[in-house]
C-alpha cells in the first residue's frame, strides 16, 4: 500500500498545473481599464463587457485605474495573478505612448503582458472649426502652411494620442502649427468648436456627435479605410497623403504566465462575443469599428505602433521622465 501511495504522489507531481483552467471562470472577472470613465477605451470596453459576461457566464467588473498616462493600470495588470481573473483592456495611449515617456517602469510592456486580440479600432479624425476656409485636406494643408504658427492645434495634453497624431500629420504634410495642450480630449474638442484652436486630429468617439451636428467640420480620417460611422468622409491617405495612417485601438492582454487553457478560453470568448450583432452595434455606437486579429498579429501591430508613435515623440521633443 505504501508503494502504491508513493507512486500516486509521483504521478500527481508530473501532471502539469492547469491554473484552474478546468473550472475557469468560477467568479467575477476584472476588466482593467487604465483610463478614466468616459475615455474612448472606457466606453468601448464597457460595450464589450456587456456581451462578454453573458458569453463566458460571469459578471465582468470594469475597473478604471487612470493615472500616469495609463501606467498605473498597466502596472496593476502586469503584476496581477496570471489566473484569467484580471484582463487588461489596453489602448494606444497606454500601450505605446506612455511607456515611452517614462524611463523607469516596473514592468516590460512587451514581455509581461500577452496580446490576445484587438476588439475595436478608432480612427483619428481631422476636424476644424467650421470657420476654417477649406473644404478638402489639400486645401486645409495649403491654408495651414500659409498661416504657420498662427494656427493652433488642440490636443488632450502633451504626449496624448491627439498630440502625437497631429505631429504625425504635420510631419507628413510639411506644415507647422502651434500646439495647445488641454486637460483631456473633451476640453480640446470644445476649444476647436469655440475657435480658441482651429484644428485637431483626435479619436473619432470624442467628435462624432459634434461632426454630425455641424459644430465641427470633418475633413478626413486617419484609418486605412473609411469608417462605418462617417462613410462619406474620406481617409487622409486617399486625400493626398498616400500611406498616411493614424488610428486608435483597444485590445485585450493577459498577464505573463497565464495558463494556455485560460488564455484560449479568454480568446475564444472574445471571438464569440465579437460575432454577436449586439456587440458590434454597441461598439459602433461608441465610434469604434469592430475588429479582431491573432495574438501574433496583435503583437506585431503593437510593435509597429510603438515605432510610429516613437518617431512622433522624438519629433515633438517630448521629455522622457
C-alpha atoms as a PDB file:
ATOM      1  CA  UNK A   1       0.000   0.000   0.000  1.00  0.00           C
ATOM      2  CA  UNK A   2       2.879   2.359   0.840  1.00  0.00           C
ATOM      3  CA  UNK A   3       4.396   1.707  -2.614  1.00  0.00           C
ATOM      4  CA  UNK A   4       1.056   2.423  -4.272  1.00  0.00           C
ATOM      5  CA  UNK A   5       0.667   5.641  -2.285  1.00  0.00           C
ATOM      6  CA  UNK A   6       4.191   6.805  -3.232  1.00  0.00           C
ATOM      7  CA  UNK A   7       3.532   6.021  -6.906  1.00  0.00           C
ATOM      8  CA  UNK A   8       0.349   8.073  -6.800  1.00  0.00           C
ATOM      9  CA  UNK A   9       2.219  11.049  -5.355  1.00  0.00           C
ATOM     10  CA  UNK A  10       4.871  10.880  -8.096  1.00  0.00           C
ATOM     11  CA  UNK A  11       2.215  10.637 -10.802  1.00  0.00           C
ATOM     12  CA  UNK A  12       0.381  13.659  -9.405  1.00  0.00           C
ATOM     13  CA  UNK A  13       3.588  15.695  -9.354  1.00  0.00           C
ATOM     14  CA  UNK A  14       4.150  15.000 -13.052  1.00  0.00           C
ATOM     15  CA  UNK A  15       0.731  16.355 -14.125  1.00  0.00           C
ATOM     16  CA  UNK A  16       1.077  19.958 -15.473  1.00  0.00           C
ATOM     17  CA  UNK A  17      -0.693  22.609 -13.435  1.00  0.00           C
ATOM     18  CA  UNK A  18      -3.911  23.708 -15.056  1.00  0.00           C
ATOM     19  CA  UNK A  19      -4.115  27.042 -13.250  1.00  0.00           C
ATOM     20  CA  UNK A  20      -7.804  26.461 -12.657  1.00  0.00           C
ATOM     21  CA  UNK A  21      -8.487  26.214 -16.391  1.00  0.00           C
ATOM     22  CA  UNK A  22     -10.908  23.318 -15.958  1.00  0.00           C
ATOM     23  CA  UNK A  23     -13.323  25.383 -13.862  1.00  0.00           C
ATOM     24  CA  UNK A  24     -12.471  28.870 -15.164  1.00  0.00           C
ATOM     25  CA  UNK A  25     -14.238  31.131 -14.590  1.00  0.00           C
ATOM     26  CA  UNK A  26     -15.983  30.448 -11.299  1.00  0.00           C
ATOM     27  CA  UNK A  27     -16.142  34.057 -10.044  1.00  0.00           C
ATOM     28  CA  UNK A  28     -16.426  37.597 -11.490  1.00  0.00           C
ATOM     29  CA  UNK A  29     -13.670  38.804 -13.828  1.00  0.00           C
ATOM     30  CA  UNK A  30     -11.991  42.201 -13.574  1.00  0.00           C
ATOM     31  CA  UNK A  31     -11.632  44.112 -16.848  1.00  0.00           C
ATOM     32  CA  UNK A  32      -8.920  46.608 -16.017  1.00  0.00           C
ATOM     33  CA  UNK A  33      -9.174  49.877 -17.978  1.00  0.00           C
ATOM     34  CA  UNK A  34      -6.116  52.107 -17.439  1.00  0.00           C
ATOM     35  CA  UNK A  35      -8.045  55.275 -18.281  1.00  0.00           C
ATOM     36  CA  UNK A  36     -10.838  57.251 -16.678  1.00  0.00           C
ATOM     37  CA  UNK A  37     -14.582  56.877 -17.050  1.00  0.00           C
ATOM     38  CA  UNK A  38     -15.753  58.379 -20.333  1.00  0.00           C
ATOM     39  CA  UNK A  39     -12.488  57.909 -22.223  1.00  0.00           C
ATOM     40  CA  UNK A  40     -12.713  56.092 -25.562  1.00  0.00           C
ATOM     41  CA  UNK A  41     -11.130  52.978 -24.073  1.00  0.00           C
ATOM     42  CA  UNK A  42     -13.640  53.015 -21.212  1.00  0.00           C
ATOM     43  CA  UNK A  43     -16.772  53.382 -23.355  1.00  0.00           C
ATOM     44  CA  UNK A  44     -15.627  50.747 -25.845  1.00  0.00           C
ATOM     45  CA  UNK A  45     -14.608  48.332 -23.073  1.00  0.00           C
ATOM     46  CA  UNK A  46     -17.966  48.700 -21.369  1.00  0.00           C
ATOM     47  CA  UNK A  47     -19.690  47.992 -24.687  1.00  0.00           C
ATOM     48  CA  UNK A  48     -17.677  44.773 -24.961  1.00  0.00           C
ATOM     49  CA  UNK A  49     -18.145  43.767 -21.320  1.00  0.00           C
ATOM     50  CA  UNK A  50     -21.937  43.533 -21.566  1.00  0.00           C
ATOM     51  CA  UNK A  51     -21.980  40.632 -24.002  1.00  0.00           C
ATOM     52  CA  UNK A  52     -18.629  39.139 -22.967  1.00  0.00           C
ATOM     53  CA  UNK A  53     -20.012  38.465 -19.495  1.00  0.00           C
ATOM     54  CA  UNK A  54     -23.063  36.730 -20.961  1.00  0.00           C
ATOM     55  CA  UNK A  55     -20.930  34.523 -23.204  1.00  0.00           C
ATOM     56  CA  UNK A  56     -18.442  33.471 -20.519  1.00  0.00           C
ATOM     57  CA  UNK A  57     -21.099  33.137 -17.812  1.00  0.00           C
ATOM     58  CA  UNK A  58     -19.670  35.509 -15.216  1.00  0.00           C
ATOM     59  CA  UNK A  59     -20.006  39.166 -14.283  1.00  0.00           C
ATOM     60  CA  UNK A  60     -17.389  41.454 -15.857  1.00  0.00           C
ATOM     61  CA  UNK A  61     -16.390  44.226 -13.463  1.00  0.00           C
ATOM     62  CA  UNK A  62     -14.875  47.235 -15.238  1.00  0.00           C
ATOM     63  CA  UNK A  63     -12.108  48.651 -13.028  1.00  0.00           C
ATOM     64  CA  UNK A  64     -10.904  52.115 -14.108  1.00  0.00           C
ATOM     65  CA  UNK A  65      -7.344  52.841 -12.980  1.00  0.00           C
ATOM     66  CA  UNK A  66      -6.279  56.112 -14.565  1.00  0.00           C
ATOM     67  CA  UNK A  67      -3.075  57.984 -13.844  1.00  0.00           C
ATOM     68  CA  UNK A  68       0.434  58.487 -15.246  1.00  0.00           C
ATOM     69  CA  UNK A  69      -0.895  58.237 -18.778  1.00  0.00           C
ATOM     70  CA  UNK A  70      -2.294  54.791 -18.055  1.00  0.00           C
ATOM     71  CA  UNK A  71       0.840  53.323 -16.489  1.00  0.00           C
ATOM     72  CA  UNK A  72      -0.836  52.776 -13.108  1.00  0.00           C
ATOM     73  CA  UNK A  73      -3.400  50.441 -14.649  1.00  0.00           C
ATOM     74  CA  UNK A  74      -0.792  48.788 -16.882  1.00  0.00           C
ATOM     75  CA  UNK A  75       1.395  48.075 -13.854  1.00  0.00           C
ATOM     76  CA  UNK A  76      -1.521  46.525 -11.969  1.00  0.00           C
ATOM     77  CA  UNK A  77      -2.266  44.250 -14.902  1.00  0.00           C
ATOM     78  CA  UNK A  78       1.363  43.254 -15.436  1.00  0.00           C
ATOM     79  CA  UNK A  79       1.728  42.246 -11.767  1.00  0.00           C
ATOM     80  CA  UNK A  80      -1.708  40.654 -11.386  1.00  0.00           C
ATOM     81  CA  UNK A  81      -2.140  36.941 -10.745  1.00  0.00           C
ATOM     82  CA  UNK A  82      -1.930  35.048 -14.035  1.00  0.00           C
ATOM     83  CA  UNK A  83      -5.241  33.278 -13.481  1.00  0.00           C
ATOM     84  CA  UNK A  84      -7.532  34.935 -16.031  1.00  0.00           C
ATOM     85  CA  UNK A  85      -9.413  36.989 -13.455  1.00  0.00           C
ATOM     86  CA  UNK A  86      -7.666  40.223 -14.476  1.00  0.00           C
ATOM     87  CA  UNK A  87      -7.908  41.126 -18.154  1.00  0.00           C
ATOM     88  CA  UNK A  88      -6.339  44.342 -19.416  1.00  0.00           C
ATOM     89  CA  UNK A  89      -8.175  46.481 -21.960  1.00  0.00           C
ATOM     90  CA  UNK A  90      -5.240  48.448 -23.308  1.00  0.00           C
ATOM     91  CA  UNK A  91      -5.230  51.206 -25.900  1.00  0.00           C
ATOM     92  CA  UNK A  92      -2.889  53.313 -27.979  1.00  0.00           C
ATOM     93  CA  UNK A  93      -2.059  55.898 -25.331  1.00  0.00           C
ATOM     94  CA  UNK A  94      -1.442  53.376 -22.572  1.00  0.00           C
ATOM     95  CA  UNK A  95       0.353  50.646 -24.535  1.00  0.00           C
ATOM     96  CA  UNK A  96       2.668  52.525 -26.871  1.00  0.00           C
ATOM     97  CA  UNK A  97       2.825  56.189 -25.813  1.00  0.00           C
ATOM     98  CA  UNK A  98       3.007  56.417 -22.009  1.00  0.00           C
ATOM     99  CA  UNK A  99       5.699  53.696 -21.633  1.00  0.00           C
ATOM    100  CA  UNK A 100       7.973  55.624 -23.998  1.00  0.00           C
ATOM    101  CA  UNK A 101       7.624  58.783 -21.924  1.00  0.00           C
ATOM    102  CA  UNK A 102       8.861  57.151 -18.720  1.00  0.00           C
ATOM    103  CA  UNK A 103      12.340  55.677 -18.296  1.00  0.00           C
ATOM    104  CA  UNK A 104      11.658  53.767 -15.100  1.00  0.00           C
ATOM    105  CA  UNK A 105       8.950  51.141 -15.450  1.00  0.00           C
ATOM    106  CA  UNK A 106       8.260  48.308 -13.040  1.00  0.00           C
ATOM    107  CA  UNK A 107       7.207  46.096 -15.931  1.00  0.00           C
ATOM    108  CA  UNK A 108       8.122  45.330 -19.539  1.00  0.00           C
ATOM    109  CA  UNK A 109       5.181  46.190 -21.847  1.00  0.00           C
ATOM    110  CA  UNK A 110       6.360  43.576 -24.357  1.00  0.00           C
ATOM    111  CA  UNK A 111       7.344  40.710 -22.046  1.00  0.00           C
ATOM    112  CA  UNK A 112       4.966  40.985 -19.091  1.00  0.00           C
ATOM    113  CA  UNK A 113       1.668  41.219 -20.999  1.00  0.00           C
ATOM    114  CA  UNK A 114       0.349  38.700 -23.526  1.00  0.00           C
ATOM    115  CA  UNK A 115      -1.608  40.112 -26.509  1.00  0.00           C
ATOM    116  CA  UNK A 116      -4.931  38.303 -27.029  1.00  0.00           C
ATOM    117  CA  UNK A 117      -6.616  40.331 -29.769  1.00  0.00           C
ATOM    118  CA  UNK A 118      -7.776  43.744 -30.819  1.00  0.00           C
ATOM    119  CA  UNK A 119     -11.511  44.303 -30.449  1.00  0.00           C
ATOM    120  CA  UNK A 120     -12.002  47.869 -31.652  1.00  0.00           C
ATOM    121  CA  UNK A 121     -10.301  50.345 -33.921  1.00  0.00           C
ATOM    122  CA  UNK A 122     -10.973  54.066 -33.627  1.00  0.00           C
ATOM    123  CA  UNK A 123      -9.968  56.358 -36.442  1.00  0.00           C
ATOM    124  CA  UNK A 124      -8.296  59.623 -35.605  1.00  0.00           C
ATOM    125  CA  UNK A 125     -10.252  62.300 -37.440  1.00  0.00           C
ATOM    126  CA  UNK A 126      -9.059  65.644 -38.738  1.00  0.00           C
ATOM    127  CA  UNK A 127     -11.605  68.259 -37.673  1.00  0.00           C
ATOM    128  CA  UNK A 128     -11.589  72.037 -37.638  1.00  0.00           C
ATOM    129  CA  UNK A 129     -13.692  74.919 -36.507  1.00  0.00           C
ATOM    130  CA  UNK A 130     -16.404  75.469 -39.159  1.00  0.00           C
ATOM    131  CA  UNK A 131     -14.933  78.915 -39.910  1.00  0.00           C
ATOM    132  CA  UNK A 132     -11.721  77.445 -41.367  1.00  0.00           C
ATOM    133  CA  UNK A 133     -11.882  78.326 -45.110  1.00  0.00           C
ATOM    134  CA  UNK A 134     -11.060  74.917 -46.561  1.00  0.00           C
ATOM    135  CA  UNK A 135     -13.139  72.039 -47.858  1.00  0.00           C
ATOM    136  CA  UNK A 136     -10.559  69.313 -48.537  1.00  0.00           C
ATOM    137  CA  UNK A 137      -7.400  68.011 -46.900  1.00  0.00           C
ATOM    138  CA  UNK A 138      -5.272  69.579 -49.646  1.00  0.00           C
ATOM    139  CA  UNK A 139      -6.951  72.944 -49.103  1.00  0.00           C
ATOM    140  CA  UNK A 140      -6.508  72.615 -45.333  1.00  0.00           C
ATOM    141  CA  UNK A 141      -2.787  71.855 -45.720  1.00  0.00           C
ATOM    142  CA  UNK A 142      -2.347  74.867 -48.022  1.00  0.00           C
ATOM    143  CA  UNK A 143      -4.219  77.034 -45.501  1.00  0.00           C
ATOM    144  CA  UNK A 144      -2.093  75.682 -42.608  1.00  0.00           C
ATOM    145  CA  UNK A 145       1.152  76.366 -44.497  1.00  0.00           C
ATOM    146  CA  UNK A 146       0.026  79.914 -45.178  1.00  0.00           C
ATOM    147  CA  UNK A 147      -0.973  80.523 -41.551  1.00  0.00           C
ATOM    148  CA  UNK A 148       2.051  78.863 -39.963  1.00  0.00           C
ATOM    149  CA  UNK A 149       2.312  79.156 -36.148  1.00  0.00           C
ATOM    150  CA  UNK A 150      -0.712  81.479 -36.101  1.00  0.00           C
ATOM    151  CA  UNK A 151      -2.834  78.337 -36.435  1.00  0.00           C
ATOM    152  CA  UNK A 152      -3.490  76.476 -33.169  1.00  0.00           C
ATOM    153  CA  UNK A 153      -3.616  72.695 -32.935  1.00  0.00           C
ATOM    154  CA  UNK A 154      -5.509  71.443 -29.883  1.00  0.00           C
ATOM    155  CA  UNK A 155      -4.704  68.207 -28.077  1.00  0.00           C
ATOM    156  CA  UNK A 156      -5.780  66.343 -24.960  1.00  0.00           C
ATOM    157  CA  UNK A 157      -2.364  67.097 -23.437  1.00  0.00           C
ATOM    158  CA  UNK A 158       1.332  66.836 -24.177  1.00  0.00           C
ATOM    159  CA  UNK A 159       2.056  63.271 -25.227  1.00  0.00           C
ATOM    160  CA  UNK A 160      -1.609  62.417 -25.719  1.00  0.00           C
ATOM    161  CA  UNK A 161      -2.707  60.428 -28.742  1.00  0.00           C
ATOM    162  CA  UNK A 162      -4.206  63.566 -30.300  1.00  0.00           C
ATOM    163  CA  UNK A 163      -0.946  65.474 -29.774  1.00  0.00           C
ATOM    164  CA  UNK A 164       1.206  62.864 -31.481  1.00  0.00           C
ATOM    165  CA  UNK A 165      -1.353  62.238 -34.235  1.00  0.00           C
ATOM    166  CA  UNK A 166      -1.203  65.960 -35.015  1.00  0.00           C
ATOM    167  CA  UNK A 167       2.587  65.817 -35.086  1.00  0.00           C
ATOM    168  CA  UNK A 168       2.404  62.865 -37.483  1.00  0.00           C
ATOM    169  CA  UNK A 169       0.192  64.899 -39.821  1.00  0.00           C
ATOM    170  CA  UNK A 170       2.422  67.966 -39.692  1.00  0.00           C
ATOM    171  CA  UNK A 171       5.500  65.859 -40.447  1.00  0.00           C
ATOM    172  CA  UNK A 172       3.787  64.108 -43.352  1.00  0.00           C
ATOM    173  CA  UNK A 173       2.302  67.277 -44.862  1.00  0.00           C
ATOM    174  CA  UNK A 174       5.168  69.641 -44.106  1.00  0.00           C
ATOM    175  CA  UNK A 175       3.494  72.385 -42.099  1.00  0.00           C
ATOM    176  CA  UNK A 176       3.708  73.722 -38.557  1.00  0.00           C
ATOM    177  CA  UNK A 177       1.041  74.842 -36.103  1.00  0.00           C
ATOM    178  CA  UNK A 178       1.229  75.966 -32.501  1.00  0.00           C
ATOM    179  CA  UNK A 179       0.437  73.084 -30.152  1.00  0.00           C
ATOM    180  CA  UNK A 180      -2.099  73.985 -27.454  1.00  0.00           C
ATOM    181  CA  UNK A 181      -2.458  71.190 -24.870  1.00  0.00           C
ATOM    182  CA  UNK A 182      -5.685  70.942 -22.873  1.00  0.00           C
ATOM    183  CA  UNK A 183      -6.677  68.824 -19.896  1.00  0.00           C
ATOM    184  CA  UNK A 184      -8.399  65.983 -21.680  1.00  0.00           C
ATOM    185  CA  UNK A 185      -9.995  65.227 -25.016  1.00  0.00           C
ATOM    186  CA  UNK A 186     -13.314  66.870 -24.172  1.00  0.00           C
ATOM    187  CA  UNK A 187     -11.679  70.202 -23.405  1.00  0.00           C
ATOM    188  CA  UNK A 188      -9.535  70.118 -26.543  1.00  0.00           C
ATOM    189  CA  UNK A 189     -12.505  69.392 -28.806  1.00  0.00           C
ATOM    190  CA  UNK A 190     -14.514  72.139 -27.090  1.00  0.00           C
ATOM    191  CA  UNK A 191     -11.689  74.584 -27.775  1.00  0.00           C
ATOM    192  CA  UNK A 192     -11.879  73.871 -31.509  1.00  0.00           C
ATOM    193  CA  UNK A 193     -15.644  74.361 -31.516  1.00  0.00           C
ATOM    194  CA  UNK A 194     -15.175  77.665 -29.663  1.00  0.00           C
ATOM    195  CA  UNK A 195     -12.468  78.848 -32.058  1.00  0.00           C
ATOM    196  CA  UNK A 196      -9.708  79.035 -29.419  1.00  0.00           C
ATOM    197  CA  UNK A 197      -7.875  76.449 -31.519  1.00  0.00           C
ATOM    198  CA  UNK A 198      -8.500  75.818 -35.186  1.00  0.00           C
ATOM    199  CA  UNK A 199      -7.895  72.100 -35.641  1.00  0.00           C
ATOM    200  CA  UNK A 200      -7.186  68.759 -34.044  1.00  0.00           C
ATOM    201  CA  UNK A 201      -6.545  65.174 -35.151  1.00  0.00           C
ATOM    202  CA  UNK A 202      -8.250  63.222 -32.402  1.00  0.00           C
ATOM    203  CA  UNK A 203     -10.098  59.927 -31.781  1.00  0.00           C
ATOM    204  CA  UNK A 204     -13.444  59.794 -33.572  1.00  0.00           C
ATOM    205  CA  UNK A 205     -15.543  58.908 -30.470  1.00  0.00           C
ATOM    206  CA  UNK A 206     -14.782  62.329 -28.965  1.00  0.00           C
ATOM    207  CA  UNK A 207     -16.005  64.206 -32.032  1.00  0.00           C
ATOM    208  CA  UNK A 208     -18.694  62.086 -33.699  1.00  0.00           C
ATOM    209  CA  UNK A 209     -21.770  63.833 -32.291  1.00  0.00           C
ATOM    210  CA  UNK A 210     -20.251  67.283 -32.928  1.00  0.00           C
ATOM    211  CA  UNK A 211     -19.469  66.420 -36.547  1.00  0.00           C
ATOM    212  CA  UNK A 212     -22.997  65.119 -37.033  1.00  0.00           C
ATOM    213  CA  UNK A 213     -24.448  68.305 -35.535  1.00  0.00           C
ATOM    214  CA  UNK A 214     -22.255  70.578 -37.669  1.00  0.00           C
ATOM    215  CA  UNK A 215     -20.323  72.096 -34.762  1.00  0.00           C
ATOM    216  CA  UNK A 216     -17.115  70.640 -36.209  1.00  0.00           C
ATOM    217  CA  UNK A 217     -16.020  70.353 -39.836  1.00  0.00           C
ATOM    218  CA  UNK A 218     -14.666  66.883 -40.688  1.00  0.00           C
ATOM    219  CA  UNK A 219     -12.017  66.597 -43.399  1.00  0.00           C
ATOM    220  CA  UNK A 220     -10.712  63.038 -43.284  1.00  0.00           C
ATOM    221  CA  UNK A 221      -9.964  60.052 -41.054  1.00  0.00           C
ATOM    222  CA  UNK A 222      -6.569  58.530 -40.347  1.00  0.00           C
ATOM    223  CA  UNK A 223      -7.656  54.920 -40.751  1.00  0.00           C
ATOM    224  CA  UNK A 224      -6.762  52.822 -43.795  1.00  0.00           C
ATOM    225  CA  UNK A 225     -10.458  52.525 -44.679  1.00  0.00           C
ATOM    226  CA  UNK A 226     -13.410  54.855 -44.290  1.00  0.00           C
ATOM    227  CA  UNK A 227     -15.343  54.420 -41.077  1.00  0.00           C
ATOM    228  CA  UNK A 228     -18.810  52.933 -40.814  1.00  0.00           C
ATOM    229  CA  UNK A 229     -19.926  55.923 -38.725  1.00  0.00           C
ATOM    230  CA  UNK A 230     -18.971  58.550 -41.345  1.00  0.00           C
ATOM    231  CA  UNK A 231     -18.804  56.690 -44.671  1.00  0.00           C
ATOM    232  CA  UNK A 232     -18.780  59.906 -46.721  1.00  0.00           C
ATOM    233  CA  UNK A 233     -15.644  61.231 -45.004  1.00  0.00           C
ATOM    234  CA  UNK A 234     -12.520  60.136 -46.940  1.00  0.00           C
ATOM    235  CA  UNK A 235      -9.278  58.837 -45.479  1.00  0.00           C
ATOM    236  CA  UNK A 236      -6.264  61.118 -45.218  1.00  0.00           C
ATOM    237  CA  UNK A 237      -4.347  58.650 -47.393  1.00  0.00           C
ATOM    238  CA  UNK A 238      -6.817  58.974 -50.256  1.00  0.00           C
ATOM    239  CA  UNK A 239      -6.929  62.754 -49.822  1.00  0.00           C
ATOM    240  CA  UNK A 240      -3.377  63.473 -50.908  1.00  0.00           C
ATOM    241  CA  UNK A 241      -1.088  61.811 -48.350  1.00  0.00           C
ATOM    242  CA  UNK A 242      -0.661  58.209 -49.601  1.00  0.00           C
ATOM    243  CA  UNK A 243       0.319  55.731 -46.897  1.00  0.00           C
ATOM    244  CA  UNK A 244      -0.668  58.009 -44.023  1.00  0.00           C
ATOM    245  CA  UNK A 245      -2.219  56.169 -41.095  1.00  0.00           C
ATOM    246  CA  UNK A 246      -3.144  57.381 -37.631  1.00  0.00           C
ATOM    247  CA  UNK A 247      -5.582  55.345 -35.602  1.00  0.00           C
ATOM    248  CA  UNK A 248      -6.524  54.464 -32.091  1.00  0.00           C
ATOM    249  CA  UNK A 249      -7.382  50.983 -30.926  1.00  0.00           C
ATOM    250  CA  UNK A 250      -8.358  48.861 -27.942  1.00  0.00           C
ATOM    251  CA  UNK A 251      -7.380  45.260 -27.331  1.00  0.00           C
ATOM    252  CA  UNK A 252      -7.208  42.629 -24.614  1.00  0.00           C
ATOM    253  CA  UNK A 253      -3.998  41.439 -22.936  1.00  0.00           C
ATOM    254  CA  UNK A 254      -3.313  38.989 -20.102  1.00  0.00           C
ATOM    255  CA  UNK A 255      -0.524  38.797 -17.515  1.00  0.00           C
ATOM    256  CA  UNK A 256       2.537  36.764 -18.479  1.00  0.00           C
ATOM    257  CA  UNK A 257       2.276  33.181 -17.278  1.00  0.00           C
ATOM    258  CA  UNK A 258      -1.456  32.812 -17.867  1.00  0.00           C
ATOM    259  CA  UNK A 259      -2.085  29.073 -18.500  1.00  0.00           C
ATOM    260  CA  UNK A 260      -2.719  28.173 -22.133  1.00  0.00           C
ATOM    261  CA  UNK A 261      -6.167  26.774 -21.331  1.00  0.00           C
ATOM    262  CA  UNK A 262      -7.294  30.045 -19.745  1.00  0.00           C
ATOM    263  CA  UNK A 263      -5.671  32.151 -22.476  1.00  0.00           C
ATOM    264  CA  UNK A 264      -7.584  30.180 -25.114  1.00  0.00           C
ATOM    265  CA  UNK A 265     -10.838  30.480 -23.129  1.00  0.00           C
ATOM    266  CA  UNK A 266     -10.466  34.263 -22.952  1.00  0.00           C
ATOM    267  CA  UNK A 267      -9.663  34.464 -26.657  1.00  0.00           C
ATOM    268  CA  UNK A 268     -12.478  32.119 -27.733  1.00  0.00           C
ATOM    269  CA  UNK A 269     -14.945  34.081 -25.611  1.00  0.00           C
ATOM    270  CA  UNK A 270     -13.807  37.341 -27.188  1.00  0.00           C
ATOM    271  CA  UNK A 271     -14.169  35.972 -30.728  1.00  0.00           C
ATOM    272  CA  UNK A 272     -17.655  34.642 -29.978  1.00  0.00           C
ATOM    273  CA  UNK A 273     -18.639  37.944 -28.367  1.00  0.00           C
ATOM    274  CA  UNK A 274     -17.395  39.914 -31.356  1.00  0.00           C
ATOM    275  CA  UNK A 275     -19.571  37.863 -33.700  1.00  0.00           C
ATOM    276  CA  UNK A 276     -22.694  38.978 -31.847  1.00  0.00           C
ATOM    277  CA  UNK A 277     -24.555  41.723 -33.795  1.00  0.00           C
ATOM    278  CA  UNK A 278     -25.450  43.407 -30.484  1.00  0.00           C
ATOM    279  CA  UNK A 279     -21.762  43.764 -29.548  1.00  0.00           C
ATOM    280  CA  UNK A 280     -20.801  45.156 -32.935  1.00  0.00           C
ATOM    281  CA  UNK A 281     -23.644  47.664 -32.814  1.00  0.00           C
ATOM    282  CA  UNK A 282     -22.684  48.838 -29.326  1.00  0.00           C
ATOM    283  CA  UNK A 283     -19.055  49.335 -30.366  1.00  0.00           C
ATOM    284  CA  UNK A 284     -20.072  51.239 -33.491  1.00  0.00           C
ATOM    285  CA  UNK A 285     -22.342  53.496 -31.458  1.00  0.00           C
ATOM    286  CA  UNK A 286     -19.305  54.454 -29.383  1.00  0.00           C
ATOM    287  CA  UNK A 287     -17.381  55.469 -32.512  1.00  0.00           C
ATOM    288  CA  UNK A 288     -15.391  52.261 -32.913  1.00  0.00           C
ATOM    289  CA  UNK A 289     -15.050  49.721 -35.685  1.00  0.00           C
ATOM    290  CA  UNK A 290     -15.214  46.074 -34.505  1.00  0.00           C
ATOM    291  CA  UNK A 291     -12.031  44.158 -35.377  1.00  0.00           C
ATOM    292  CA  UNK A 292     -10.175  41.048 -34.211  1.00  0.00           C
ATOM    293  CA  UNK A 293      -6.803  39.531 -35.053  1.00  0.00           C
ATOM    294  CA  UNK A 294      -4.478  36.745 -33.928  1.00  0.00           C
ATOM    295  CA  UNK A 295      -2.133  37.074 -30.922  1.00  0.00           C
ATOM    296  CA  UNK A 296       0.819  37.184 -33.351  1.00  0.00           C
ATOM    297  CA  UNK A 297      -0.773  39.863 -35.486  1.00  0.00           C
ATOM    298  CA  UNK A 298      -1.667  41.924 -32.416  1.00  0.00           C
ATOM    299  CA  UNK A 299       1.897  41.661 -31.086  1.00  0.00           C
ATOM    300  CA  UNK A 300       3.352  42.826 -34.408  1.00  0.00           C
ATOM    301  CA  UNK A 301       0.820  45.642 -34.584  1.00  0.00           C
ATOM    302  CA  UNK A 302       1.788  46.871 -31.102  1.00  0.00           C
ATOM    303  CA  UNK A 303       5.455  46.915 -32.156  1.00  0.00           C
ATOM    304  CA  UNK A 304       4.685  48.894 -35.340  1.00  0.00           C
ATOM    305  CA  UNK A 305       2.602  51.383 -33.349  1.00  0.00           C
ATOM    306  CA  UNK A 306       5.441  51.686 -30.819  1.00  0.00           C
ATOM    307  CA  UNK A 307       7.856  52.634 -33.604  1.00  0.00           C
ATOM    308  CA  UNK A 308       5.426  55.033 -35.310  1.00  0.00           C
ATOM    309  CA  UNK A 309       4.494  56.951 -32.168  1.00  0.00           C
ATOM    310  CA  UNK A 310       8.109  56.806 -31.004  1.00  0.00           C
ATOM    311  CA  UNK A 311       9.104  58.809 -34.064  1.00  0.00           C
ATOM    312  CA  UNK A 312       6.386  61.356 -33.281  1.00  0.00           C
ATOM    313  CA  UNK A 313       7.539  61.594 -29.646  1.00  0.00           C
ATOM    314  CA  UNK A 314      11.075  62.390 -30.795  1.00  0.00           C
ATOM    315  CA  UNK A 315       9.832  64.903 -33.370  1.00  0.00           C
ATOM    316  CA  UNK A 316       7.722  66.624 -30.695  1.00  0.00           C
ATOM    317  CA  UNK A 317      10.806  66.710 -28.439  1.00  0.00           C
ATOM    318  CA  UNK A 318       8.788  65.401 -25.521  1.00  0.00           C
ATOM    319  CA  UNK A 319      10.744  64.994 -22.331  1.00  0.00           C
ATOM    320  CA  UNK A 320      11.123  61.431 -21.135  1.00  0.00           C
ATOM    321  CA  UNK A 321      10.635  61.269 -17.354  1.00  0.00           C
END
